[in-house]
Amino acid sequence: MVLKGFKLRIYPDGYQKELIEYNFGANRFVWNNMLDMMIKRHESNPDLKSLKVFDLNYILTVFKKENTWLKKAESSSLQVTDKNLFEAYKGFFSKKRKFPRFKSKKFPKQSYQSKYFHNNIEILDDFYIKLPKLGVMKYKNKKSIPSVIKYVTIRKSSTNKYYAILTVDEEIAQLPKTSKSVGLDMGVSDLVICSDGSKYKTIRFDKKLSKKKHYWEKRLARRRTQALKDIQYKKKFGLIDPKPLEQYSNYMRAKLMVAKYSEKIANQRKDYLHKITRELVENNDLIVIEDLKTKNLLGNHNLSRAIANQSWRALRLMLEYKCEWYGKRLLIVNPFKTSQICSNCGYDDGKHELDIRKWDCPNCGIHHDRDINASKNILNNGLEQALVK
């Protein structure tokens, strides 16, 4: 059994949207007040032990008595917020993560999570779902959903779409063994280059929609400037109370259109990565990839945008969980000198500049494609690592 997520597009009515926004606000209120209390507590006495989840849940009952409006919110979601805050606060001190930040209602993506108990989350048929405190609403999803549900996360995207992400327990059948191994080299002109010579080309989804997105980005910038000038003018002469920026309809329309094109680009890229990783996991028992430090590579300003578009990190994460699900093996190796060593004889020909895509080994004379040679070296390093383990 593995934990798996199912993302459902839900269609709440007007009243249900108000309840969702209400829960967003309640969870944000609890997070911000608990975090403020923990910061002040630590500043006043750093030697005090940090509060546990049980302590935060106990304090939550006091919050509810002082702020009776919290009782209308979904109760388990507030407990999940306490748990998430505890994990974030603990992670800062133990694992050197970033310190948890206060949440803002202006952030375009909002979410909260609820626990499953007593059938408060239920799939009624192929078109309707029952959610805690929200009731029954339509949803859209083509896949069949397992009956064992653990959590549901209600999320509102920057394009004002609502989603229910179900975390479920599912038994996943293992894929048949193929007795094949492959090394993968990540590139810019080609996204993935395999040691068997096959390549997955790079698709610049950001460039395909760049004109339409840029059209609305220009209007967004201009309308924002015009709205801010209007606000400043009204404040200066005291004509009327200026309305906030979020109430300027032309500005908000342009902002929504920019978000829609950004979302479409992200969805297209993610779909492409899913198709590539699924095919690789189906066809190979052992997959070897290089441990790329994307943050360092982004320092090259000539290639930074192209590298960011590749989403190498997302591709690696997909391979990791899919190999775990389907009983395949993934190895991560050091990319040191994989592009300059001959995969046939092991001769080190020295560093090759990026414009050199093909070269001949001076030792054995074999002709190399730079990327395929690198993927073969990655596979050889992975096979050696597998033997050692």
Protein backbone atom coordinates (compact mmCIF):
# COMPACT_ATOMS: atom_id res chain seq x y z
CA MET A 1 0.00 0.00 0.00
CA VAL A 2 1.27 3.46 -0.89
CA LEU A 3 -0.06 6.95 -0.30
CA LYS A 4 -1.23 8.49 -3.54
CA GLY A 5 -2.86 11.79 -4.43
CA PHE A 6 -5.89 12.33 -6.67
CA LYS A 7 -6.55 15.89 -7.81
CA LEU A 8 -10.23 16.57 -8.50
CA ARG A 9 -11.59 19.75 -10.03
CA ILE A 10 -14.61 20.67 -7.90
CA TYR A 11 -17.47 23.07 -8.69
CA PRO A 12 -18.82 24.63 -5.47
CA ASP A 13 -21.87 26.89 -5.56
CA GLY A 14 -21.87 30.44 -4.20
CA TYR A 15 -22.57 29.43 -0.58
CA GLN A 16 -19.94 26.68 -0.65
CA LYS A 17 -17.37 29.15 -2.02
CA GLU A 18 -18.10 31.42 0.95
CA LEU A 19 -17.53 28.48 3.33
CA ILE A 20 -14.25 27.62 1.61
CA GLU A 21 -13.05 31.22 1.94
CA TYR A 22 -14.20 31.16 5.58
CA ASN A 23 -12.05 28.08 6.23
CA PHE A 24 -9.08 29.69 4.48
CA GLY A 25 -9.41 32.67 6.83
CA ALA A 26 -9.82 30.52 9.96
CA ASN A 27 -6.76 28.40 9.22
CA ARG A 28 -4.74 31.49 8.33
CA PHE A 29 -5.83 33.14 11.62
CA VAL A 30 -4.79 30.09 13.67
CA TRP A 31 -1.43 29.76 11.88
CA ASN A 32 -0.52 33.44 12.28
CA ASN A 33 -1.58 33.71 15.93
CA MET A 34 0.10 30.45 16.95
CA LEU A 35 3.30 31.44 15.15
CA ASP A 36 3.28 34.90 16.76
CA MET A 37 2.79 33.30 20.19
CA MET A 38 5.67 30.82 19.62
CA ILE A 39 8.02 33.61 18.47
CA LYS A 40 7.25 35.81 21.50
CA ARG A 41 7.54 32.82 23.84
CA HIS A 42 10.98 31.96 22.47
CA GLU A 43 12.15 35.60 22.62
CA SER A 44 11.08 35.99 26.25
CA ASN A 45 12.70 32.70 27.36
CA PRO A 46 14.85 30.81 24.80
CA ASP A 47 15.45 27.96 27.31
CA LEU A 48 11.80 26.88 27.28
CA LYS A 49 11.02 23.66 25.44
CA SER A 50 9.18 24.13 22.17
CA LEU A 51 5.46 23.45 22.16
CA LYS A 52 4.28 20.08 20.84
CA VAL A 53 1.24 19.40 18.67
CA PHE A 54 -0.74 18.40 21.77
CA ASP A 55 0.06 21.75 23.38
CA LEU A 56 -0.97 23.68 20.29
CA ASN A 57 -4.26 21.78 20.07
CA TYR A 58 -4.94 22.57 23.75
CA ILE A 59 -4.29 26.27 23.09
CA LEU A 60 -6.60 25.99 20.07
CA THR A 61 -9.53 25.26 22.39
CA VAL A 62 -8.80 28.54 24.20
CA PHE A 63 -8.66 30.33 20.84
CA LYS A 64 -12.09 28.97 19.99
CA LYS A 65 -13.54 30.26 23.27
CA GLU A 66 -12.04 33.71 22.71
CA ASN A 67 -12.97 33.76 19.01
CA THR A 68 -16.31 31.99 18.73
CA TRP A 69 -16.39 32.41 14.94
CA LEU A 70 -13.69 29.69 14.69
CA LYS A 71 -16.29 27.09 15.73
CA LYS A 72 -17.92 27.45 12.32
CA ALA A 73 -14.69 26.33 10.60
CA GLU A 74 -13.87 22.69 9.88
CA SER A 75 -12.34 21.53 13.19
CA SER A 76 -9.90 18.90 11.93
CA SER A 77 -8.39 21.40 9.48
CA LEU A 78 -7.37 23.65 12.39
CA GLN A 79 -5.64 20.68 14.04
CA VAL A 80 -3.81 19.93 10.80
CA THR A 81 -2.69 23.58 10.71
CA ASP A 82 -1.25 23.14 14.23
CA LYS A 83 0.60 20.01 13.12
CA ASN A 84 1.99 21.71 9.99
CA LEU A 85 3.16 24.69 12.05
CA PHE A 86 4.87 22.39 14.56
CA GLU A 87 6.68 20.54 11.75
CA ALA A 88 7.77 23.81 10.12
CA TYR A 89 8.96 25.30 13.42
CA LYS A 90 10.77 22.10 14.38
CA GLY A 91 12.34 21.82 10.94
CA PHE A 92 13.87 25.29 11.26
CA PHE A 93 15.81 24.34 14.40
CA SER A 94 16.64 20.72 13.57
CA LYS A 95 17.11 20.60 9.78
CA LYS A 96 18.08 24.22 9.05
CA ARG A 97 15.01 24.93 6.94
CA LYS A 98 13.60 28.39 6.40
CA PHE A 99 11.73 29.88 9.32
CA PRO A 100 7.93 29.60 8.90
CA ARG A 101 6.35 32.76 7.53
CA PHE A 102 3.08 34.47 8.32
CA LYS A 103 0.30 33.77 5.82
CA SER A 104 -1.44 36.48 3.83
CA LYS A 105 -4.93 36.55 2.36
CA LYS A 106 -3.45 38.31 -0.67
CA PHE A 107 -1.47 35.22 -1.65
CA PRO A 108 -3.07 33.93 -4.89
CA LYS A 109 -3.04 30.25 -3.83
CA GLN A 110 -4.99 29.30 -0.71
CA SER A 111 -5.57 25.86 0.84
CA TYR A 112 -6.52 23.92 3.94
CA GLN A 113 -6.52 20.22 4.79
CA SER A 114 -9.12 18.07 6.56
CA LYS A 115 -8.89 14.60 8.08
CA TYR A 116 -11.13 11.70 7.15
CA PHE A 117 -13.38 10.20 9.84
CA HIS A 118 -16.95 8.89 10.06
CA ASN A 119 -17.43 9.11 6.26
CA ASN A 120 -17.13 12.90 6.23
CA ILE A 121 -15.38 12.50 2.84
CA GLU A 122 -17.28 10.33 0.39
CA ILE A 123 -17.46 9.71 -3.35
CA LEU A 124 -21.18 9.42 -4.04
CA ASP A 125 -20.98 8.51 -7.74
CA ASP A 126 -18.96 9.43 -10.80
CA PHE A 127 -19.92 13.10 -10.57
CA TYR A 128 -20.46 14.08 -6.91
CA ILE A 129 -18.32 14.22 -3.77
CA LYS A 130 -19.20 14.98 -0.15
CA LEU A 131 -16.66 17.14 1.71
CA PRO A 132 -16.48 18.14 5.41
CA LYS A 133 -18.60 21.19 6.28
CA LEU A 134 -19.13 21.90 2.56
CA GLY A 135 -21.62 19.18 1.67
CA VAL A 136 -22.14 17.69 -1.78
CA MET A 137 -20.74 19.22 -4.95
CA LYS A 138 -19.86 18.21 -8.48
CA TYR A 139 -16.35 17.14 -9.40
CA LYS A 140 -14.47 16.12 -12.54
CA ASN A 141 -11.90 13.34 -12.74
CA LYS A 142 -11.52 10.45 -15.18
CA LYS A 143 -9.74 7.99 -12.83
CA SER A 144 -11.45 5.67 -10.37
CA ILE A 145 -10.77 6.66 -6.76
CA PRO A 146 -9.90 4.06 -4.03
CA SER A 147 -12.23 3.83 -1.04
CA VAL A 148 -9.55 4.29 1.67
CA ILE A 149 -9.20 8.08 2.00
CA LYS A 150 -6.82 9.66 4.53
CA TYR A 151 -6.99 13.41 3.92
CA VAL A 152 -8.51 15.96 1.61
CA THR A 153 -6.88 19.28 0.73
CA ILE A 154 -9.16 22.00 -0.56
CA ARG A 155 -7.20 24.37 -2.77
CA LYS A 156 -7.97 27.52 -4.70
CA SER A 157 -5.60 28.28 -7.57
CA SER A 158 -4.41 31.67 -8.76
CA THR A 159 -6.96 31.35 -11.60
CA ASN A 160 -9.87 31.01 -9.12
CA LYS A 161 -10.34 27.29 -9.77
CA TYR A 162 -11.18 24.98 -6.86
CA TYR A 163 -9.63 21.56 -6.33
CA ALA A 164 -9.98 18.71 -3.84
CA ILE A 165 -6.75 16.71 -3.52
CA LEU A 166 -7.50 13.32 -1.97
CA THR A 167 -4.69 11.43 -0.21
CA VAL A 168 -5.57 7.75 -0.43
CA ASP A 169 -4.12 4.32 0.35
CA GLU A 170 -3.81 2.31 -2.83
CA GLU A 171 -2.34 -1.05 -3.74
CA ILE A 172 -0.24 -0.52 -6.86
CA ALA A 173 0.57 -3.50 -9.08
CA GLN A 174 4.27 -3.95 -9.85
CA LEU A 175 5.33 -3.47 -13.46
CA PRO A 176 6.84 -6.49 -15.23
CA LYS A 177 10.64 -6.80 -15.18
CA THR A 178 12.52 -6.01 -18.38
CA SER A 179 16.15 -6.76 -17.31
CA LYS A 180 17.16 -3.44 -18.88
CA SER A 181 19.25 -0.60 -17.46
CA VAL A 182 19.55 2.96 -18.71
CA GLY A 183 21.64 6.01 -17.90
CA LEU A 184 20.08 9.45 -18.31
CA ASP A 185 21.89 12.67 -19.13
CA MET A 186 19.94 15.91 -18.69
CA GLY A 187 20.39 18.53 -21.36
CA VAL A 188 19.08 21.80 -22.76
CA SER A 189 18.69 21.14 -26.48
CA ASP A 190 17.35 17.68 -25.59
CA LEU A 191 15.62 17.24 -22.24
CA VAL A 192 16.70 13.64 -21.60
CA ILE A 193 19.39 11.67 -23.46
CA CYS A 194 19.43 7.91 -22.85
CA SER A 195 22.45 5.62 -22.94
CA ASP A 196 20.75 3.50 -25.63
CA GLY A 197 20.88 6.50 -28.01
CA SER A 198 17.25 7.59 -27.73
CA LYS A 199 16.44 11.21 -26.89
CA TYR A 200 13.45 13.13 -25.53
CA LYS A 201 13.41 16.53 -27.13
CA THR A 202 12.95 19.78 -25.27
CA ILE A 203 9.61 21.51 -25.79
CA ARG A 204 9.63 25.19 -24.86
CA PHE A 205 6.06 25.51 -23.65
CA ASP A 206 6.88 28.98 -22.33
CA LYS A 207 7.80 30.16 -25.83
CA LYS A 208 4.67 28.68 -27.45
CA LEU A 209 2.42 30.90 -25.35
CA SER A 210 4.88 33.76 -24.86
CA LYS A 211 3.12 36.20 -27.23
CA LYS A 212 -0.30 35.78 -25.65
CA LYS A 213 1.14 35.92 -22.13
CA HIS A 214 3.26 38.97 -22.93
CA TYR A 215 0.17 40.70 -24.39
CA TRP A 216 -1.55 40.51 -20.99
CA GLU A 217 1.62 41.17 -18.99
CA LYS A 218 1.95 44.55 -20.70
CA ARG A 219 -1.68 45.40 -19.95
CA LEU A 220 -1.30 44.23 -16.36
CA ALA A 221 1.68 46.55 -15.81
CA ARG A 222 -0.07 49.50 -17.45
CA ARG A 223 -3.36 49.00 -15.60
CA ARG A 224 -1.56 48.62 -12.29
CA THR A 225 0.28 51.90 -12.88
CA GLN A 226 -2.96 53.67 -13.83
CA ALA A 227 -4.78 52.28 -10.77
CA LEU A 228 -2.00 53.34 -8.39
CA LYS A 229 -1.97 56.85 -9.89
CA ASP A 230 -5.74 57.05 -9.39
CA ILE A 231 -5.39 55.96 -5.74
CA GLN A 232 -2.62 58.51 -5.06
CA TYR A 233 -4.59 61.32 -6.75
CA LYS A 234 -7.69 60.64 -4.62
CA LYS A 235 -5.62 60.47 -1.45
CA LYS A 236 -3.80 63.69 -2.25
CA PHE A 237 -6.92 65.79 -2.84
CA GLY A 238 -9.20 63.89 -0.47
CA LEU A 239 -11.95 63.51 -3.07
CA ILE A 240 -13.35 60.15 -1.95
CA ASP A 241 -12.00 57.17 -0.10
CA PRO A 242 -9.93 55.35 -2.75
CA LYS A 243 -10.87 51.74 -3.37
CA PRO A 244 -8.13 49.10 -2.94
CA LEU A 245 -6.19 47.84 -5.93
CA GLU A 246 -8.10 44.51 -5.86
CA GLN A 247 -11.34 46.33 -6.74
CA TYR A 248 -10.08 47.71 -10.05
CA SER A 249 -11.80 45.30 -12.46
CA ASN A 250 -9.55 45.94 -15.48
CA TYR A 251 -6.42 45.33 -13.40
CA MET A 252 -7.85 42.12 -11.89
CA ARG A 253 -8.90 40.83 -15.32
CA ALA A 254 -5.37 41.29 -16.69
CA LYS A 255 -3.92 39.65 -13.58
CA LEU A 256 -6.22 36.65 -14.05
CA MET A 257 -5.28 36.26 -17.72
CA VAL A 258 -1.54 36.27 -16.89
CA ALA A 259 -2.17 33.62 -14.23
CA LYS A 260 -4.16 31.49 -16.69
CA TYR A 261 -1.34 31.41 -19.24
CA SER A 262 1.24 30.68 -16.51
CA GLU A 263 -0.93 27.82 -15.27
CA LYS A 264 -1.37 26.41 -18.77
CA ILE A 265 2.40 26.42 -19.36
CA ALA A 266 3.00 24.65 -16.04
CA ASN A 267 0.32 22.02 -16.77
CA GLN A 268 1.70 21.29 -20.24
CA ARG A 269 5.22 20.91 -18.87
CA LYS A 270 4.08 18.62 -16.04
CA ASP A 271 2.07 16.42 -18.42
CA TYR A 272 5.11 16.02 -20.68
CA LEU A 273 7.32 15.03 -17.74
CA HIS A 274 4.77 12.46 -16.56
CA LYS A 275 4.70 10.81 -19.99
CA ILE A 276 8.52 10.64 -20.19
CA THR A 277 9.01 9.24 -16.67
CA ARG A 278 6.23 6.68 -17.08
CA GLU A 279 7.82 5.36 -20.28
CA LEU A 280 11.27 5.18 -18.70
CA VAL A 281 10.01 3.29 -15.64
CA GLU A 282 7.99 0.86 -17.77
CA ASN A 283 10.93 -0.03 -20.04
CA ASN A 284 13.78 -0.28 -17.51
CA ASP A 285 14.51 -2.02 -14.22
CA LEU A 286 17.48 0.18 -13.30
CA ILE A 287 17.59 3.93 -14.02
CA VAL A 288 20.73 5.96 -13.31
CA ILE A 289 20.68 9.77 -13.31
CA GLU A 290 23.22 12.45 -12.43
CA ASP A 291 23.04 14.51 -9.25
CA LEU A 292 22.73 17.94 -10.84
CA LYS A 293 22.94 21.11 -8.74
CA THR A 294 20.44 23.23 -10.65
CA LYS A 295 20.97 26.24 -8.40
CA ASN A 296 24.63 26.41 -9.47
CA LEU A 297 23.78 25.99 -13.16
CA LEU A 298 21.29 28.87 -13.01
CA GLY A 299 24.25 31.18 -12.47
CA ASN A 300 24.86 30.99 -16.23
CA HIS A 301 22.63 33.89 -17.31
CA ASN A 302 22.77 32.87 -20.95
CA LEU A 303 21.12 29.53 -20.20
CA SER A 304 19.26 30.19 -16.94
CA ARG A 305 15.81 30.55 -18.52
CA ALA A 306 16.26 27.44 -20.69
CA ILE A 307 17.53 25.44 -17.68
CA ALA A 308 14.62 26.57 -15.51
CA ASN A 309 12.20 25.47 -18.27
CA GLN A 310 13.66 21.93 -18.21
CA SER A 311 12.38 21.20 -14.67
CA TRP A 312 15.11 18.67 -13.96
CA ARG A 313 14.25 18.59 -10.28
CA ALA A 314 10.60 17.76 -10.98
CA LEU A 315 11.65 15.00 -13.39
CA ARG A 316 13.94 13.48 -10.75
CA LEU A 317 11.19 13.54 -8.10
CA MET A 318 8.77 11.82 -10.49
CA LEU A 319 11.33 9.09 -11.21
CA GLU A 320 11.94 8.61 -7.48
CA TYR A 321 8.35 7.94 -6.47
CA LYS A 322 7.42 6.01 -9.62
CA CYS A 323 10.39 3.66 -9.21
CA GLU A 324 9.34 3.11 -5.59
CA TRP A 325 5.73 2.46 -6.59
CA TYR A 326 6.42 0.03 -9.42
CA GLY A 327 9.33 -1.93 -7.95
CA LYS A 328 12.09 -0.41 -10.08
CA ARG A 329 15.48 0.96 -8.93
CA LEU A 330 16.83 4.49 -9.24
CA LEU A 331 20.47 5.41 -8.60
CA ILE A 332 21.93 8.91 -8.32
CA VAL A 333 25.59 9.36 -9.35
CA ASN A 334 28.11 12.19 -9.34
CA PRO A 335 28.20 13.94 -12.76
CA PHE A 336 31.96 14.69 -12.41
CA LYS A 337 33.74 14.34 -15.80
CA THR A 338 30.92 12.32 -17.40
CA SER A 339 31.08 14.58 -20.48
CA GLN A 340 34.84 14.28 -21.07
CA ILE A 341 35.70 10.63 -20.34
CA CYS A 342 35.44 8.15 -23.22
CA SER A 343 32.73 5.63 -22.36
CA ASN A 344 34.48 3.01 -24.52
CA CYS A 345 38.07 3.03 -23.15
CA GLY A 346 37.90 5.41 -20.16
CA TYR A 347 40.39 7.93 -21.56
CA ASP A 348 40.07 11.47 -20.13
CA ASP A 349 40.21 13.89 -23.07
CA GLY A 350 39.92 17.02 -20.91
CA LYS A 351 37.14 19.57 -20.69
CA HIS A 352 35.03 20.19 -23.79
CA GLU A 353 33.30 23.52 -24.30
CA LEU A 354 29.51 23.55 -24.68
CA ASP A 355 29.69 24.23 -28.43
CA ILE A 356 31.51 20.90 -29.00
CA ARG A 357 28.66 18.41 -29.48
CA LYS A 358 30.66 15.59 -31.14
CA TRP A 359 34.28 14.46 -30.77
CA ASP A 360 36.66 11.55 -31.48
CA CYS A 361 38.52 9.82 -28.67
CA PRO A 362 42.30 10.30 -29.27
CA ASN A 363 43.01 6.98 -27.55
CA CYS A 364 40.63 4.49 -29.19
CA GLY A 365 39.39 6.63 -32.09
CA ILE A 366 35.69 6.04 -31.47
CA HIS A 367 33.31 8.84 -32.51
CA HIS A 368 31.16 10.23 -29.69
CA ASP A 369 27.97 12.20 -29.42
CA ARG A 370 28.68 14.34 -26.36
CA ASP A 371 25.34 13.70 -24.61
CA ILE A 372 25.05 9.99 -25.41
CA ASN A 373 28.64 9.46 -24.23
CA ALA A 374 27.78 11.23 -20.96
CA SER A 375 24.68 9.05 -20.46
CA LYS A 376 26.79 5.91 -21.04
CA ASN A 377 29.29 7.07 -18.41
CA ILE A 378 26.42 7.77 -16.02
CA LEU A 379 25.14 4.22 -16.57
CA ASN A 380 28.62 2.72 -16.05
CA ASN A 381 29.03 4.66 -12.78
CA GLY A 382 25.60 3.47 -11.66
CA LEU A 383 26.37 -0.18 -12.44
CA GLU A 384 29.61 0.08 -10.44
CA GLN A 385 27.71 1.65 -7.56
CA ALA A 386 25.08 -1.11 -7.71
CA LEU A 387 27.79 -3.81 -7.50
CA VAL A 388 29.37 -2.16 -4.47
CA LYS A 389 26.02 -2.03 -2.66
